Amino acid sequence: MMTETTEGVGFRSRRGPILIALMLSTGLVAIDSTIVATAVPSIVTDIGGFTSFPWLFSAYLLAQAVSVPVYAKLSDVVGRKPIILSGIGLFLLGSILCGMAWSMPALIAFRVLQGLGAGAVQPVAITIAGDIYTLAERAKVQGYLASVWAVSSVVGPTLGGVFSSLGIWRWIFFINIPLCLLAGWMLLRTFHESIERTKHRVDYLGAALLTVSLSLLILGALEGGQAWAWNSSISIAVFAVGALLFAAFVLVERKAAEPVLPPWVLSRRLLATTAMISFGVGAVMLGLTSYVPTFLEGALSTSPILAGLALAALTLGWPISASQAGRFYLRIGFRKTALIGVSITVIGAAILALTAPTPNVLLVAAACFVVGLGLGLVATPSLIAAQSSVEWNERGVVTGTNLFARSIGSSIGVAVFGAVANAIYAGHPGASDAHTTVSASSAVFLAVLVCAVLTVIAVIAMPGAQGESVATKTPAQAGAGSAEG
């Protein structure tokens, strides 16, 4: 069994090497999500496939999203370590193959492999943090992990631009090789867990139905209005088959001995509301990430670098507030902390929506920073509240469900915001002037504000989490096993 004390969370503490390994692992996913975009022109020039390049992102996001619940369940069955190492291994293999890709279809296929690896790395890294740190320490740890995304939002595009300008775009993938090897080696050496070996019945049918059904549903959301019209026969078929398979999945899970996504995950009020909150966070994040750079570049002819820095304010605000969230929720509770955070998010989104008709780079950056501050106080307390309400053998599923809800929110958010923007552009056929860009972006930012307001309702519905006032509570280690940090 593991015994933890509040010995400190820094790199020099006893668990410091594990924290560094988790940050490295998270960094793999974070950098990859930003480094590819700036190299697209070079990739297309070299291997062709201009019309297919959006799939470099869609395929990766799809593979990552649908695999998260499966990996999360497996981490509760066989332990965290083998799953995260498998994820790093898949990501490494996918990166090597991406760097060797000879055509756009091949590169897209290898991006799927990368996405499958990322689907294991991110949720299991967060789950491990929930295992080895106390309730009082987890918010600060989440701040460390969130800071990785902040750094990556600047480093990723910069590296991508450098490799692209030097004509060596393949190194945006090859750079992952030493990072994967270092992260894997540090986890092997520093993180140890003892699992009570019991016989499990793997829910293969449920996993297959969940993966295929969600793949179709997310695919329909991502490509609807883009690759095909929303009311086209292929769009209707994709959603219909996806819905039928998901219904079959629900029926299978009710009878499965060890369901991959247990029904109790959404039947408990705390877990259901925190999943809804995570959904809203994903939608707000993607709404700003997708449209702020386009807004500034199209409305003000801002350079891509300056537009990217304005957006980076969002990911700079998040870790600042996430690292301080613990001070709030240990005093006033998870729900009140999240309510403060979502209120700040609404204020930031409102500033952006109201000032969009008169674009200003500094004002946009300030609004993004405020939204980031709010999201850090929403995402961290809601995730930790969910984690703290369950034992070790359920924490993986709960963490995975929370992050999966965020991915679904991002996917549906992209579809909805894209439909809103496309409706504006459709009213001005052939126009790409600044006025049209401002009109379309203003409508998207208003939709983001609506999402933030709806997230307020989910936070209000969130119950108090059991044990949220216990500052020195150690992670629950009952059930399947324990981890030794």
Protein backbone atom coordinates (compact mmCIF):
# COMPACT_ATOMS: atom_id res chain seq x y z
CA MET A 1 0.00 0.00 0.00
CA MET A 2 1.08 3.57 -0.59
CA THR A 3 1.43 6.09 2.19
CA GLU A 4 1.65 9.73 1.14
CA THR A 5 2.40 12.84 3.13
CA THR A 6 2.20 16.47 2.16
CA GLU A 7 5.98 16.56 1.64
CA GLY A 8 5.82 19.02 -1.20
CA VAL A 9 5.06 18.90 -4.87
CA GLY A 10 8.17 20.41 -6.46
CA PHE A 11 10.71 18.70 -8.69
CA ARG A 12 13.06 18.16 -5.74
CA SER A 13 10.52 16.28 -3.65
CA ARG A 14 10.51 12.49 -3.42
CA ARG A 15 7.85 12.29 -6.12
CA GLY A 16 9.54 14.96 -8.23
CA PRO A 17 10.98 12.51 -10.80
CA ILE A 18 7.49 11.04 -11.37
CA LEU A 19 6.07 14.55 -11.83
CA ILE A 20 8.77 15.33 -14.41
CA ALA A 21 7.99 12.05 -16.21
CA LEU A 22 4.26 12.92 -16.26
CA MET A 23 5.03 16.40 -17.60
CA LEU A 24 7.24 14.93 -20.32
CA SER A 25 4.49 12.48 -21.25
CA THR A 26 1.89 15.25 -21.36
CA GLY A 27 4.31 17.35 -23.39
CA LEU A 28 4.27 14.74 -26.16
CA VAL A 29 0.55 15.28 -26.70
CA ALA A 30 0.66 19.04 -26.09
CA ILE A 31 3.44 19.85 -28.58
CA ASP A 32 2.02 17.54 -31.23
CA SER A 33 -1.32 19.36 -31.10
CA THR A 34 0.33 22.67 -32.10
CA ILE A 35 3.48 21.87 -34.06
CA VAL A 36 1.85 20.31 -37.15
CA ALA A 37 -0.33 23.27 -38.18
CA THR A 38 2.53 25.61 -39.10
CA ALA A 39 4.23 22.95 -41.24
CA VAL A 40 1.21 22.07 -43.40
CA PRO A 41 2.32 24.16 -46.42
CA SER A 42 5.72 22.42 -46.49
CA ILE A 43 4.11 18.99 -46.08
CA VAL A 44 1.70 19.59 -48.95
CA THR A 45 4.48 20.93 -51.18
CA ASP A 46 6.56 17.81 -50.54
CA ILE A 47 4.05 14.95 -50.66
CA GLY A 48 0.92 16.59 -52.09
CA GLY A 49 -2.65 16.01 -50.91
CA PHE A 50 -3.77 19.59 -50.32
CA THR A 51 -7.48 18.69 -50.32
CA SER A 52 -6.89 15.98 -47.70
CA PHE A 53 -4.65 17.80 -45.21
CA PRO A 54 -7.50 18.68 -42.75
CA TRP A 55 -7.62 14.95 -42.02
CA LEU A 56 -4.16 15.28 -40.43
CA PHE A 57 -6.01 16.90 -37.53
CA SER A 58 -9.40 15.19 -37.75
CA ALA A 59 -7.94 11.66 -37.87
CA TYR A 60 -5.67 12.36 -34.91
CA LEU A 61 -8.43 13.95 -32.82
CA LEU A 62 -10.85 11.16 -33.67
CA ALA A 63 -8.43 8.36 -32.73
CA GLN A 64 -7.50 10.10 -29.50
CA ALA A 65 -11.08 10.78 -28.44
CA VAL A 66 -12.56 7.33 -29.05
CA SER A 67 -9.67 5.45 -27.41
CA VAL A 68 -9.69 7.37 -24.12
CA PRO A 69 -12.55 5.41 -22.43
CA VAL A 70 -10.99 2.07 -23.39
CA TYR A 71 -7.55 2.96 -22.04
CA ALA A 72 -9.09 4.46 -18.91
CA LYS A 73 -10.91 1.23 -18.12
CA LEU A 74 -7.83 -0.87 -18.83
CA SER A 75 -5.77 1.28 -16.46
CA ASP A 76 -8.19 0.34 -13.67
CA VAL A 77 -7.84 -3.33 -14.57
CA VAL A 78 -4.14 -3.87 -15.27
CA GLY A 79 -2.65 -0.74 -13.71
CA ARG A 80 -1.54 2.68 -14.90
CA LYS A 81 2.06 1.91 -15.79
CA PRO A 82 1.59 -0.66 -18.58
CA ILE A 83 -1.11 1.47 -20.24
CA ILE A 84 0.83 4.74 -20.27
CA LEU A 85 3.98 2.96 -21.47
CA SER A 86 1.96 1.29 -24.23
CA GLY A 87 0.59 4.70 -25.18
CA ILE A 88 4.08 6.21 -25.33
CA GLY A 89 5.19 3.24 -27.43
CA LEU A 90 2.33 3.71 -29.90
CA PHE A 91 3.00 7.43 -30.07
CA LEU A 92 6.69 6.75 -30.72
CA LEU A 93 5.93 4.27 -33.50
CA GLY A 94 3.39 6.63 -35.04
CA SER A 95 5.88 9.52 -34.92
CA ILE A 96 8.60 7.49 -36.66
CA LEU A 97 6.20 6.36 -39.38
CA CYS A 98 4.83 9.92 -39.83
CA GLY A 99 8.37 11.15 -40.35
CA MET A 100 8.87 8.52 -43.04
CA ALA A 101 5.49 9.05 -44.76
CA TRP A 102 5.60 9.04 -48.56
CA SER A 103 2.10 10.35 -49.27
CA MET A 104 -0.75 12.21 -47.61
CA PRO A 105 -2.92 9.05 -47.15
CA ALA A 106 0.03 7.31 -45.47
CA LEU A 107 0.68 10.32 -43.22
CA ILE A 108 -3.00 10.44 -42.23
CA ALA A 109 -2.96 6.72 -41.39
CA PHE A 110 0.13 7.15 -39.21
CA ARG A 111 -1.47 10.14 -37.49
CA VAL A 112 -4.24 7.75 -36.42
CA LEU A 113 -1.56 5.63 -34.73
CA GLN A 114 -0.22 8.72 -32.99
CA GLY A 115 -3.74 9.57 -31.84
CA LEU A 116 -4.22 6.10 -30.38
CA GLY A 117 -1.05 6.61 -28.36
CA ALA A 118 -2.13 10.07 -27.19
CA GLY A 119 -5.45 8.60 -26.08
CA ALA A 120 -3.57 6.57 -23.47
CA VAL A 121 -0.96 9.11 -22.40
CA GLN A 122 -3.00 12.13 -21.37
CA PRO A 123 -5.76 10.57 -19.21
CA VAL A 124 -3.47 8.03 -17.53
CA ALA A 125 -0.91 10.74 -16.69
CA ILE A 126 -3.64 12.72 -14.93
CA THR A 127 -4.90 9.56 -13.22
CA ILE A 128 -1.41 8.77 -11.89
CA ALA A 129 -1.24 12.30 -10.46
CA GLY A 130 -4.57 11.61 -8.73
CA ASP A 131 -3.14 8.39 -7.31
CA ILE A 132 0.11 9.66 -5.82
CA TYR A 133 -0.84 13.14 -4.61
CA THR A 134 -3.18 14.15 -1.82
CA LEU A 135 -6.31 16.19 -2.30
CA ALA A 136 -4.48 19.33 -1.13
CA GLU A 137 -1.64 18.78 -3.60
CA ARG A 138 -3.54 17.86 -6.75
CA ALA A 139 -4.46 21.37 -7.85
CA LYS A 140 -0.82 22.43 -7.75
CA VAL A 141 0.12 19.33 -9.74
CA GLN A 142 -2.60 20.15 -12.28
CA GLY A 143 -0.98 23.57 -12.54
CA TYR A 144 2.34 21.92 -13.43
CA LEU A 145 0.65 19.75 -16.06
CA ALA A 146 -1.33 22.71 -17.44
CA SER A 147 1.89 24.73 -17.73
CA VAL A 148 3.11 22.15 -20.22
CA TRP A 149 0.25 23.16 -22.53
CA ALA A 150 1.10 26.84 -22.05
CA VAL A 151 4.73 26.31 -23.02
CA SER A 152 3.72 24.08 -25.94
CA SER A 153 1.36 26.75 -27.29
CA VAL A 154 4.44 28.90 -27.93
CA VAL A 155 7.15 26.29 -28.54
CA GLY A 156 5.07 24.08 -30.86
CA PRO A 157 4.23 26.62 -33.57
CA THR A 158 7.74 28.08 -33.35
CA LEU A 159 9.44 24.71 -33.87
CA GLY A 160 7.00 23.86 -36.64
CA GLY A 161 7.81 27.13 -38.38
CA VAL A 162 11.56 26.64 -38.02
CA PHE A 163 11.52 23.07 -39.35
CA SER A 164 9.21 24.13 -42.16
CA SER A 165 11.38 27.08 -43.20
CA LEU A 166 14.46 24.84 -43.21
CA GLY A 167 12.71 22.32 -45.45
CA ILE A 168 12.91 19.55 -42.84
CA TRP A 169 9.24 19.22 -41.86
CA ARG A 170 9.73 15.53 -41.05
CA TRP A 171 11.57 16.57 -37.90
CA ILE A 172 8.32 17.81 -36.38
CA PHE A 173 7.70 14.08 -35.89
CA PHE A 174 11.26 12.84 -35.39
CA ILE A 175 11.70 15.27 -32.47
CA ASN A 176 9.24 13.08 -30.56
CA ILE A 177 11.69 10.16 -30.57
CA PRO A 178 14.02 11.39 -27.79
CA LEU A 179 11.08 12.80 -25.84
CA CYS A 180 9.23 9.46 -25.94
CA LEU A 181 12.34 7.51 -24.96
CA LEU A 182 13.12 9.88 -22.08
CA ALA A 183 9.53 9.89 -20.76
CA GLY A 184 9.29 6.09 -20.99
CA TRP A 185 12.65 5.57 -19.31
CA MET A 186 11.79 7.93 -16.43
CA LEU A 187 8.43 6.24 -15.83
CA LEU A 188 10.05 2.81 -15.89
CA ARG A 189 12.62 3.90 -13.38
CA THR A 190 10.67 6.11 -11.00
CA PHE A 191 7.04 4.99 -10.99
CA HIS A 192 6.25 1.66 -9.36
CA GLU A 193 2.88 0.14 -8.58
CA SER A 194 1.80 -3.15 -7.09
CA ILE A 195 -1.41 -4.56 -8.53
CA GLU A 196 -3.43 -7.33 -6.96
CA ARG A 197 -3.74 -9.77 -9.83
CA THR A 198 -7.27 -11.01 -10.31
CA LYS A 199 -8.99 -12.59 -13.26
CA HIS A 200 -10.86 -10.08 -15.41
CA ARG A 201 -13.37 -10.47 -18.20
CA VAL A 202 -12.42 -7.96 -20.85
CA ASP A 203 -15.43 -6.32 -22.49
CA TYR A 204 -14.22 -6.69 -26.08
CA LEU A 205 -17.68 -6.29 -27.63
CA GLY A 206 -18.43 -3.15 -25.65
CA ALA A 207 -15.04 -1.65 -26.53
CA ALA A 208 -15.55 -2.38 -30.23
CA LEU A 209 -19.09 -0.95 -30.29
CA LEU A 210 -18.02 2.15 -28.37
CA THR A 211 -15.04 2.79 -30.64
CA VAL A 212 -16.91 2.36 -33.91
CA SER A 213 -20.05 4.23 -32.83
CA LEU A 214 -18.14 7.20 -31.43
CA SER A 215 -15.86 7.24 -34.45
CA LEU A 216 -18.87 7.65 -36.71
CA LEU A 217 -20.61 10.23 -34.52
CA ILE A 218 -17.48 12.35 -34.04
CA LEU A 219 -16.62 11.95 -37.72
CA GLY A 220 -20.07 13.27 -38.62
CA ALA A 221 -19.61 16.24 -36.28
CA LEU A 222 -16.12 17.04 -37.57
CA GLU A 223 -16.84 16.73 -41.28
CA GLY A 224 -20.47 17.87 -41.42
CA GLY A 225 -20.66 21.11 -43.36
CA GLN A 226 -17.05 20.64 -44.43
CA ALA A 227 -16.47 17.42 -46.38
CA TRP A 228 -20.22 17.00 -47.00
CA ALA A 229 -23.44 18.89 -46.41
CA TRP A 230 -25.29 18.36 -43.12
CA ASN A 231 -28.42 17.14 -44.92
CA SER A 232 -26.58 14.92 -47.40
CA SER A 233 -27.21 11.18 -47.56
CA ILE A 234 -23.70 10.36 -46.31
CA SER A 235 -24.13 12.69 -43.31
CA ILE A 236 -27.47 11.14 -42.38
CA ALA A 237 -26.07 7.62 -42.82
CA VAL A 238 -23.01 8.33 -40.65
CA PHE A 239 -25.10 9.72 -37.79
CA ALA A 240 -27.80 7.03 -38.10
CA VAL A 241 -25.37 4.09 -38.03
CA GLY A 242 -23.35 5.72 -35.24
CA ALA A 243 -26.48 6.22 -33.13
CA LEU A 244 -27.66 2.64 -33.69
CA LEU A 245 -24.28 1.21 -32.73
CA PHE A 246 -24.16 3.42 -29.65
CA ALA A 247 -27.62 2.19 -28.63
CA ALA A 248 -26.33 -1.38 -29.03
CA PHE A 249 -23.33 -0.43 -26.87
CA VAL A 250 -25.62 0.81 -24.08
CA LEU A 251 -27.55 -2.49 -24.13
CA VAL A 252 -24.32 -4.53 -24.06
CA GLU A 253 -22.92 -2.52 -21.14
CA ARG A 254 -25.95 -3.29 -19.00
CA LYS A 255 -25.17 -6.99 -19.17
CA ALA A 256 -21.35 -6.94 -19.29
CA ALA A 257 -19.53 -8.32 -16.25
CA GLU A 258 -16.89 -5.57 -16.42
CA PRO A 259 -18.22 -2.87 -18.77
CA VAL A 260 -15.69 -0.60 -20.46
CA LEU A 261 -17.88 2.40 -19.59
CA PRO A 262 -19.91 1.43 -16.52
CA PRO A 263 -23.45 2.88 -16.31
CA TRP A 264 -22.71 4.27 -12.84
CA VAL A 265 -20.31 6.82 -14.37
CA LEU A 266 -23.22 8.93 -15.59
CA SER A 267 -25.83 7.83 -13.05
CA ARG A 268 -24.01 9.52 -10.17
CA ARG A 269 -24.90 13.19 -10.04
CA LEU A 270 -21.38 14.43 -9.27
CA LEU A 271 -19.79 12.46 -12.11
CA ALA A 272 -22.53 13.40 -14.58
CA THR A 273 -22.33 17.13 -13.81
CA THR A 274 -18.52 17.23 -13.87
CA ALA A 275 -18.63 15.49 -17.27
CA MET A 276 -21.07 18.16 -18.50
CA ILE A 277 -18.73 20.86 -17.18
CA SER A 278 -15.80 19.26 -19.00
CA PHE A 279 -17.91 19.19 -22.17
CA GLY A 280 -18.46 22.93 -21.87
CA VAL A 281 -14.78 23.58 -21.21
CA GLY A 282 -13.85 21.69 -24.37
CA ALA A 283 -16.33 23.66 -26.48
CA VAL A 284 -15.18 27.04 -25.17
CA MET A 285 -11.50 26.15 -25.62
CA LEU A 286 -11.91 24.96 -29.21
CA GLY A 287 -14.13 27.87 -30.11
CA LEU A 288 -11.42 30.36 -29.19
CA THR A 289 -8.51 28.24 -30.41
CA SER A 290 -10.11 27.80 -33.83
CA TYR A 291 -11.32 31.34 -34.48
CA VAL A 292 -9.20 33.89 -32.59
CA PRO A 293 -6.20 33.65 -34.99
CA THR A 294 -8.50 33.73 -38.05
CA PHE A 295 -10.35 36.71 -36.57
CA LEU A 296 -7.19 38.76 -35.97
CA GLU A 297 -5.51 37.84 -39.24
CA GLY A 298 -8.63 38.45 -41.32
CA ALA A 299 -9.89 41.57 -39.55
CA LEU A 300 -6.61 43.37 -38.83
CA SER A 301 -4.15 41.62 -41.18
CA THR A 302 -2.24 40.62 -38.06
CA SER A 303 0.76 38.36 -38.59
CA PRO A 304 0.25 34.66 -37.72
CA ILE A 305 2.86 34.92 -34.96
CA LEU A 306 1.14 37.88 -33.26
CA ALA A 307 -2.27 36.21 -33.61
CA GLY A 308 -0.84 33.05 -32.08
CA LEU A 309 0.61 35.00 -29.15
CA ALA A 310 -2.79 36.61 -28.52
CA LEU A 311 -4.30 33.14 -28.34
CA ALA A 312 -1.42 31.94 -26.13
CA ALA A 313 -2.77 34.27 -23.43
CA LEU A 314 -5.58 31.72 -23.02
CA THR A 315 -3.18 28.88 -22.21
CA LEU A 316 -1.09 31.16 -19.99
CA GLY A 317 -4.06 32.08 -17.81
CA TRP A 318 -5.14 28.45 -17.31
CA PRO A 319 -2.06 27.12 -15.40
CA ILE A 320 -1.87 30.26 -13.27
CA SER A 321 -5.37 29.75 -11.88
CA ALA A 322 -5.15 25.94 -11.91
CA SER A 323 -2.10 26.03 -9.64
CA GLN A 324 -3.98 28.22 -7.16
CA ALA A 325 -7.29 26.34 -7.32
CA GLY A 326 -6.37 24.21 -4.32
CA ARG A 327 -6.29 27.26 -2.06
CA PHE A 328 -9.90 27.93 -3.02
CA TYR A 329 -11.49 24.48 -3.00
CA LEU A 330 -9.89 23.48 0.30
CA ARG A 331 -11.55 26.49 1.91
CA ILE A 332 -14.85 26.91 0.10
CA GLY A 333 -15.31 23.58 -1.70
CA PHE A 334 -15.17 22.35 -5.29
CA ARG A 335 -18.56 23.64 -6.39
CA LYS A 336 -18.07 27.24 -5.22
CA THR A 337 -14.57 27.33 -6.71
CA ALA A 338 -15.88 26.10 -10.06
CA LEU A 339 -18.70 28.65 -9.87
CA ILE A 340 -16.18 31.48 -9.42
CA GLY A 341 -14.18 30.10 -12.34
CA VAL A 342 -17.11 29.77 -14.71
CA SER A 343 -18.26 33.28 -13.81
CA ILE A 344 -14.82 34.62 -14.77
CA THR A 345 -15.05 32.60 -17.99
CA VAL A 346 -18.40 34.19 -18.83
CA ILE A 347 -16.97 37.67 -18.20
CA GLY A 348 -14.00 36.98 -20.52
CA ALA A 349 -16.23 35.51 -23.23
CA ALA A 350 -18.61 38.46 -22.93
CA ILE A 351 -15.75 40.95 -23.34
CA LEU A 352 -14.65 39.11 -26.48
CA ALA A 353 -18.17 38.94 -27.94
CA LEU A 354 -19.01 42.58 -27.18
CA THR A 355 -15.74 44.02 -28.51
CA ALA A 356 -15.45 41.80 -31.61
CA PRO A 357 -17.09 44.41 -33.91
CA THR A 358 -14.14 46.73 -33.10
CA PRO A 359 -11.11 44.39 -33.25
CA ASN A 360 -8.08 45.10 -31.09
CA VAL A 361 -5.19 42.68 -30.57
CA LEU A 362 -4.45 43.66 -26.97
CA LEU A 363 -8.12 43.53 -26.00
CA VAL A 364 -8.51 40.09 -27.58
CA ALA A 365 -5.41 38.84 -25.75
CA ALA A 366 -6.71 40.26 -22.46
CA ALA A 367 -10.10 38.60 -22.97
CA CYS A 368 -8.43 35.27 -23.78
CA PHE A 369 -6.32 35.59 -20.63
CA VAL A 370 -9.42 36.16 -18.51
CA VAL A 371 -11.15 33.16 -20.09
CA GLY A 372 -8.02 31.07 -19.37
CA LEU A 373 -8.04 32.17 -15.73
CA GLY A 374 -11.68 31.13 -15.46
CA LEU A 375 -11.24 27.77 -17.16
CA GLY A 376 -8.38 26.86 -14.82
CA LEU A 377 -10.71 27.37 -11.86
CA VAL A 378 -13.42 25.30 -13.54
CA ALA A 379 -11.59 22.35 -15.08
CA THR A 380 -9.27 21.57 -12.18
CA PRO A 381 -11.77 21.54 -9.26
CA SER A 382 -14.38 19.61 -11.26
CA LEU A 383 -11.86 16.95 -12.32
CA ILE A 384 -10.40 16.58 -8.83
CA ALA A 385 -13.90 16.45 -7.32
CA ALA A 386 -14.73 13.53 -9.61
CA GLN A 387 -11.45 11.76 -8.85
CA SER A 388 -11.83 12.24 -5.10
CA SER A 389 -15.29 10.67 -5.05
CA VAL A 390 -14.08 7.22 -6.13
CA GLU A 391 -11.53 4.57 -5.16
CA TRP A 392 -8.34 3.56 -7.00
CA ASN A 393 -10.04 0.91 -9.12
CA GLU A 394 -12.56 3.43 -10.47
CA ARG A 395 -10.38 6.53 -10.83
CA GLY A 396 -9.10 5.66 -14.30
CA VAL A 397 -12.60 5.36 -15.74
CA VAL A 398 -13.71 8.57 -14.04
CA THR A 399 -10.69 10.55 -15.26
CA GLY A 400 -11.04 9.12 -18.76
CA THR A 401 -14.75 9.95 -18.88
CA ASN A 402 -14.03 13.53 -17.83
CA LEU A 403 -11.39 14.04 -20.52
CA PHE A 404 -13.49 12.18 -23.07
CA ALA A 405 -16.36 14.59 -22.40
CA ARG A 406 -13.94 17.45 -23.05
CA SER A 407 -12.94 15.89 -26.38
CA ILE A 408 -16.58 15.44 -27.37
CA GLY A 409 -17.26 19.05 -26.41
CA SER A 410 -14.36 20.13 -28.61
CA SER A 411 -15.58 18.05 -31.56
CA ILE A 412 -19.19 19.20 -31.35
CA GLY A 413 -18.03 22.75 -30.65
CA VAL A 414 -15.97 22.76 -33.86
CA ALA A 415 -19.02 21.55 -35.80
CA VAL A 416 -21.44 24.06 -34.28
CA PHE A 417 -19.09 27.05 -34.50
CA GLY A 418 -18.15 26.06 -38.05
CA ALA A 419 -21.83 25.97 -39.01
CA VAL A 420 -22.35 29.42 -37.46
CA ALA A 421 -19.38 30.91 -39.31
CA ASN A 422 -20.27 29.21 -42.60
CA ALA A 423 -23.80 30.61 -42.41
CA ILE A 424 -22.36 34.14 -42.29
CA TYR A 425 -19.93 33.48 -45.13
CA ALA A 426 -22.71 31.89 -47.19
CA GLY A 427 -24.60 35.17 -46.99
CA HIS A 428 -21.60 36.89 -48.56
CA PRO A 429 -20.54 34.49 -51.33
CA GLY A 430 -17.05 35.06 -52.63
CA ALA A 431 -16.32 37.67 -49.99
CA SER A 432 -13.23 37.41 -47.82
CA ASP A 433 -13.06 41.02 -46.66
CA ALA A 434 -12.40 42.13 -43.11
CA HIS A 435 -16.07 43.07 -42.52
CA THR A 436 -17.28 39.54 -43.30
CA THR A 437 -14.57 38.03 -41.10
CA VAL A 438 -15.58 40.29 -38.22
CA SER A 439 -19.26 39.36 -38.67
CA ALA A 440 -18.53 35.61 -38.75
CA SER A 441 -16.12 35.76 -35.80
CA SER A 442 -18.53 37.89 -33.77
CA ALA A 443 -21.24 35.26 -34.26
CA VAL A 444 -18.83 32.50 -33.18
CA PHE A 445 -17.74 34.42 -30.08
CA LEU A 446 -21.40 34.96 -29.18
CA ALA A 447 -21.93 31.18 -29.50
CA VAL A 448 -18.90 30.64 -27.22
CA LEU A 449 -20.51 32.97 -24.67
CA VAL A 450 -23.70 30.90 -24.83
CA CYS A 451 -21.65 27.74 -24.16
CA ALA A 452 -20.03 29.41 -21.16
CA VAL A 453 -23.44 30.41 -19.77
CA LEU A 454 -24.77 26.88 -20.24
CA THR A 455 -21.71 25.59 -18.35
CA VAL A 456 -22.77 27.80 -15.44
CA ILE A 457 -25.96 25.72 -15.20
CA ALA A 458 -23.91 22.50 -15.03
CA VAL A 459 -21.76 23.94 -12.24
CA ILE A 460 -24.82 25.01 -10.26
CA ALA A 461 -26.20 21.47 -10.58
CA MET A 462 -22.93 20.01 -9.26
CA PRO A 463 -23.33 18.62 -5.71
CA GLY A 464 -20.77 19.00 -2.94
CA ALA A 465 -18.02 16.36 -3.25
CA GLN A 466 -17.51 13.96 -0.40
CA GLY A 467 -14.33 14.72 1.47
CA GLU A 468 -13.65 18.00 -0.30
CA SER A 469 -12.78 19.78 2.90
CA VAL A 470 -10.16 17.31 4.04
CA ALA A 471 -6.90 19.01 3.17
CA THR A 472 -4.56 16.16 4.03
CA LYS A 473 -6.63 13.26 2.78
CA THR A 474 -4.45 10.66 1.03
CA PRO A 475 -5.45 9.09 -2.28
CA ALA A 476 -7.78 6.13 -1.92
CA GLN A 477 -5.98 2.89 -2.65
CA ALA A 478 -8.67 0.34 -2.08
CA GLY A 479 -9.76 -2.10 -4.71
CA ALA A 480 -7.52 -3.36 -7.48
CA GLY A 481 -4.14 -2.27 -6.23
CA SER A 482 -1.88 0.52 -5.07
CA ALA A 483 0.84 2.70 -6.41
CA GLU A 484 4.13 3.40 -4.79
CA GLY A 485 5.65 6.75 -5.66
